[in-house]
């Protein structure tokens, strides 16, 4: 009887550490154009795309990380030349991210970016 009472008293506490979010959500990220999205190991999402550069006539490659509810955790922009955009991104075995991109100009350039798990540029 004591074990049953203990289980019943603890049962409501089981879900307290869980994040509760809708299974359907729409998120809008200001100044971010997406090209690719992938779910991450923490059930969040990593999105590859681009943002307007400080020079409003150009764009810079960027990746954006969300939590499992789709709320923005961080975003990272990459040094820009020739209107770069990130076209794809994958989570790496070390928990970081690798993104590849291309330029949106007459002269085509490919680019490869690596970040740690918090979006800090490694190379």
C-alpha atoms as a PDB file:
ATOM      1  CA  UNK A   1       0.000   0.000   0.000  1.00  0.00           C
ATOM      2  CA  UNK A   2       2.855   2.407   0.872  1.00  0.00           C
ATOM      3  CA  UNK A   3       4.521   1.755  -2.517  1.00  0.00           C
ATOM      4  CA  UNK A   4       1.280   2.444  -4.373  1.00  0.00           C
ATOM      5  CA  UNK A   5       0.744   5.681  -2.443  1.00  0.00           C
ATOM      6  CA  UNK A   6       4.321   6.799  -3.178  1.00  0.00           C
ATOM      7  CA  UNK A   7       3.880   6.057  -6.895  1.00  0.00           C
ATOM      8  CA  UNK A   8       0.593   7.966  -7.014  1.00  0.00           C
ATOM      9  CA  UNK A   9       2.135  10.957  -5.223  1.00  0.00           C
ATOM     10  CA  UNK A  10       5.153  11.072  -7.569  1.00  0.00           C
ATOM     11  CA  UNK A  11       3.221  10.451 -10.785  1.00  0.00           C
ATOM     12  CA  UNK A  12       2.203  14.114 -11.336  1.00  0.00           C
ATOM     13  CA  UNK A  13       5.881  15.151 -11.113  1.00  0.00           C
ATOM     14  CA  UNK A  14       7.005  12.947 -13.986  1.00  0.00           C
ATOM     15  CA  UNK A  15       6.215  15.434 -16.771  1.00  0.00           C
ATOM     16  CA  UNK A  16       7.539  18.587 -15.084  1.00  0.00           C
ATOM     17  CA  UNK A  17      10.910  18.517 -16.875  1.00  0.00           C
ATOM     18  CA  UNK A  18       9.401  18.073 -20.323  1.00  0.00           C
ATOM     19  CA  UNK A  19       8.871  20.898 -22.787  1.00  0.00           C
ATOM     20  CA  UNK A  20       5.292  20.951 -23.965  1.00  0.00           C
ATOM     21  CA  UNK A  21       4.749  22.497 -27.372  1.00  0.00           C
ATOM     22  CA  UNK A  22       2.200  22.051 -30.067  1.00  0.00           C
ATOM     23  CA  UNK A  23       2.885  19.315 -32.589  1.00  0.00           C
ATOM     24  CA  UNK A  24       1.916  21.815 -35.297  1.00  0.00           C
ATOM     25  CA  UNK A  25       3.521  25.213 -35.350  1.00  0.00           C
ATOM     26  CA  UNK A  26       4.323  28.028 -37.726  1.00  0.00           C
ATOM     27  CA  UNK A  27       7.373  30.159 -37.027  1.00  0.00           C
ATOM     28  CA  UNK A  28       8.504  33.287 -38.809  1.00  0.00           C
ATOM     29  CA  UNK A  29      12.137  34.315 -38.540  1.00  0.00           C
ATOM     30  CA  UNK A  30      12.674  37.953 -39.441  1.00  0.00           C
ATOM     31  CA  UNK A  31      15.249  38.690 -42.140  1.00  0.00           C
ATOM     32  CA  UNK A  32      15.964  35.014 -42.780  1.00  0.00           C
ATOM     33  CA  UNK A  33      15.360  33.220 -46.086  1.00  0.00           C
ATOM     34  CA  UNK A  34      15.572  29.450 -45.743  1.00  0.00           C
ATOM     35  CA  UNK A  35      16.825  26.915 -48.275  1.00  0.00           C
ATOM     36  CA  UNK A  36      17.062  23.699 -46.250  1.00  0.00           C
ATOM     37  CA  UNK A  37      15.997  22.307 -42.869  1.00  0.00           C
ATOM     38  CA  UNK A  38      16.979  19.197 -40.941  1.00  0.00           C
ATOM     39  CA  UNK A  39      16.017  17.844 -37.531  1.00  0.00           C
ATOM     40  CA  UNK A  40      18.884  17.745 -34.998  1.00  0.00           C
ATOM     41  CA  UNK A  41      19.776  15.137 -32.391  1.00  0.00           C
ATOM     42  CA  UNK A  42      18.086  17.218 -29.642  1.00  0.00           C
ATOM     43  CA  UNK A  43      14.776  17.161 -31.611  1.00  0.00           C
ATOM     44  CA  UNK A  44      15.289  20.779 -32.653  1.00  0.00           C
ATOM     45  CA  UNK A  45      15.981  21.975 -36.193  1.00  0.00           C
ATOM     46  CA  UNK A  46      18.893  23.489 -38.089  1.00  0.00           C
ATOM     47  CA  UNK A  47      18.019  25.702 -41.044  1.00  0.00           C
ATOM     48  CA  UNK A  48      20.346  26.831 -43.840  1.00  0.00           C
ATOM     49  CA  UNK A  49      19.697  30.019 -45.763  1.00  0.00           C
ATOM     50  CA  UNK A  50      20.705  33.642 -46.013  1.00  0.00           C
ATOM     51  CA  UNK A  51      20.109  37.049 -44.449  1.00  0.00           C
ATOM     52  CA  UNK A  52      20.470  40.577 -45.809  1.00  0.00           C
ATOM     53  CA  UNK A  53      24.020  41.848 -45.478  1.00  0.00           C
ATOM     54  CA  UNK A  54      24.841  45.158 -43.810  1.00  0.00           C
ATOM     55  CA  UNK A  55      25.161  46.314 -47.403  1.00  0.00           C
ATOM     56  CA  UNK A  56      21.454  45.955 -48.216  1.00  0.00           C
ATOM     57  CA  UNK A  57      22.248  45.163 -51.847  1.00  0.00           C
ATOM     58  CA  UNK A  58      23.773  41.811 -50.936  1.00  0.00           C
ATOM     59  CA  UNK A  59      23.138  38.704 -48.840  1.00  0.00           C
ATOM     60  CA  UNK A  60      25.193  36.549 -46.450  1.00  0.00           C
ATOM     61  CA  UNK A  61      25.028  32.833 -45.776  1.00  0.00           C
ATOM     62  CA  UNK A  62      23.473  31.954 -42.423  1.00  0.00           C
ATOM     63  CA  UNK A  63      22.270  29.022 -40.349  1.00  0.00           C
ATOM     64  CA  UNK A  64      19.595  29.159 -37.660  1.00  0.00           C
ATOM     65  CA  UNK A  65      19.100  26.680 -34.797  1.00  0.00           C
ATOM     66  CA  UNK A  66      15.726  26.130 -33.127  1.00  0.00           C
ATOM     67  CA  UNK A  67      14.568  24.097 -30.169  1.00  0.00           C
ATOM     68  CA  UNK A  68      12.016  21.307 -30.598  1.00  0.00           C
ATOM     69  CA  UNK A  69       9.164  23.842 -30.384  1.00  0.00           C
ATOM     70  CA  UNK A  70      10.609  25.821 -33.297  1.00  0.00           C
ATOM     71  CA  UNK A  71      11.789  28.758 -31.172  1.00  0.00           C
ATOM     72  CA  UNK A  72      15.062  30.338 -32.294  1.00  0.00           C
ATOM     73  CA  UNK A  73      18.030  29.361 -30.121  1.00  0.00           C
ATOM     74  CA  UNK A  74      20.780  31.060 -32.145  1.00  0.00           C
ATOM     75  CA  UNK A  75      21.708  32.147 -35.636  1.00  0.00           C
ATOM     76  CA  UNK A  76      25.111  32.497 -37.241  1.00  0.00           C
ATOM     77  CA  UNK A  77      26.021  34.514 -40.303  1.00  0.00           C
ATOM     78  CA  UNK A  78      29.172  33.849 -42.273  1.00  0.00           C
ATOM     79  CA  UNK A  79      31.601  36.291 -43.873  1.00  0.00           C
ATOM     80  CA  UNK A  80      30.134  37.305 -47.183  1.00  0.00           C
ATOM     81  CA  UNK A  81      31.567  37.665 -50.633  1.00  0.00           C
ATOM     82  CA  UNK A  82      29.613  37.616 -53.871  1.00  0.00           C
ATOM     83  CA  UNK A  83      26.195  37.212 -52.220  1.00  0.00           C
ATOM     84  CA  UNK A  84      26.721  33.864 -50.473  1.00  0.00           C
ATOM     85  CA  UNK A  85      23.888  31.662 -49.292  1.00  0.00           C
ATOM     86  CA  UNK A  86      23.890  28.400 -47.334  1.00  0.00           C
ATOM     87  CA  UNK A  87      22.098  25.747 -49.376  1.00  0.00           C
ATOM     88  CA  UNK A  88      22.433  22.763 -47.051  1.00  0.00           C
ATOM     89  CA  UNK A  89      23.444  21.980 -43.456  1.00  0.00           C
ATOM     90  CA  UNK A  90      24.107  18.795 -41.483  1.00  0.00           C
ATOM     91  CA  UNK A  91      24.854  18.066 -37.856  1.00  0.00           C
ATOM     92  CA  UNK A  92      28.352  16.634 -37.428  1.00  0.00           C
ATOM     93  CA  UNK A  93      29.444  13.792 -35.173  1.00  0.00           C
ATOM     94  CA  UNK A  94      30.928  16.303 -32.678  1.00  0.00           C
ATOM     95  CA  UNK A  95      27.526  18.001 -32.287  1.00  0.00           C
ATOM     96  CA  UNK A  96      28.469  20.975 -34.451  1.00  0.00           C
ATOM     97  CA  UNK A  97      27.203  21.827 -37.909  1.00  0.00           C
ATOM     98  CA  UNK A  98      28.617  21.908 -41.407  1.00  0.00           C
ATOM     99  CA  UNK A  99      26.978  24.019 -44.076  1.00  0.00           C
ATOM    100  CA  UNK A 100      27.715  24.354 -47.763  1.00  0.00           C
ATOM    101  CA  UNK A 101      26.731  27.204 -49.944  1.00  0.00           C
ATOM    102  CA  UNK A 102      27.212  29.039 -53.166  1.00  0.00           C
ATOM    103  CA  UNK A 103      27.328  32.573 -54.443  1.00  0.00           C
ATOM    104  CA  UNK A 104      24.366  34.258 -56.038  1.00  0.00           C
ATOM    105  CA  UNK A 105      26.358  36.208 -58.591  1.00  0.00           C
ATOM    106  CA  UNK A 106      27.743  35.905 -62.099  1.00  0.00           C
ATOM    107  CA  UNK A 107      30.924  34.247 -60.831  1.00  0.00           C
ATOM    108  CA  UNK A 108      30.078  31.027 -59.008  1.00  0.00           C
ATOM    109  CA  UNK A 109      31.870  30.179 -55.762  1.00  0.00           C
ATOM    110  CA  UNK A 110      31.307  27.239 -53.465  1.00  0.00           C
ATOM    111  CA  UNK A 111      31.737  27.676 -49.729  1.00  0.00           C
ATOM    112  CA  UNK A 112      31.952  25.345 -46.749  1.00  0.00           C
ATOM    113  CA  UNK A 113      31.402  26.450 -43.143  1.00  0.00           C
ATOM    114  CA  UNK A 114      31.891  24.581 -39.848  1.00  0.00           C
ATOM    115  CA  UNK A 115      30.492  25.633 -36.460  1.00  0.00           C
ATOM    116  CA  UNK A 116      30.452  24.168 -32.990  1.00  0.00           C
ATOM    117  CA  UNK A 117      27.172  23.143 -31.316  1.00  0.00           C
ATOM    118  CA  UNK A 118      26.482  26.771 -30.279  1.00  0.00           C
ATOM    119  CA  UNK A 119      27.015  28.168 -33.765  1.00  0.00           C
ATOM    120  CA  UNK A 120      30.490  29.588 -33.183  1.00  0.00           C
ATOM    121  CA  UNK A 121      32.483  29.504 -36.435  1.00  0.00           C
ATOM    122  CA  UNK A 122      35.334  26.993 -36.343  1.00  0.00           C
ATOM    123  CA  UNK A 123      36.356  27.338 -39.990  1.00  0.00           C
END
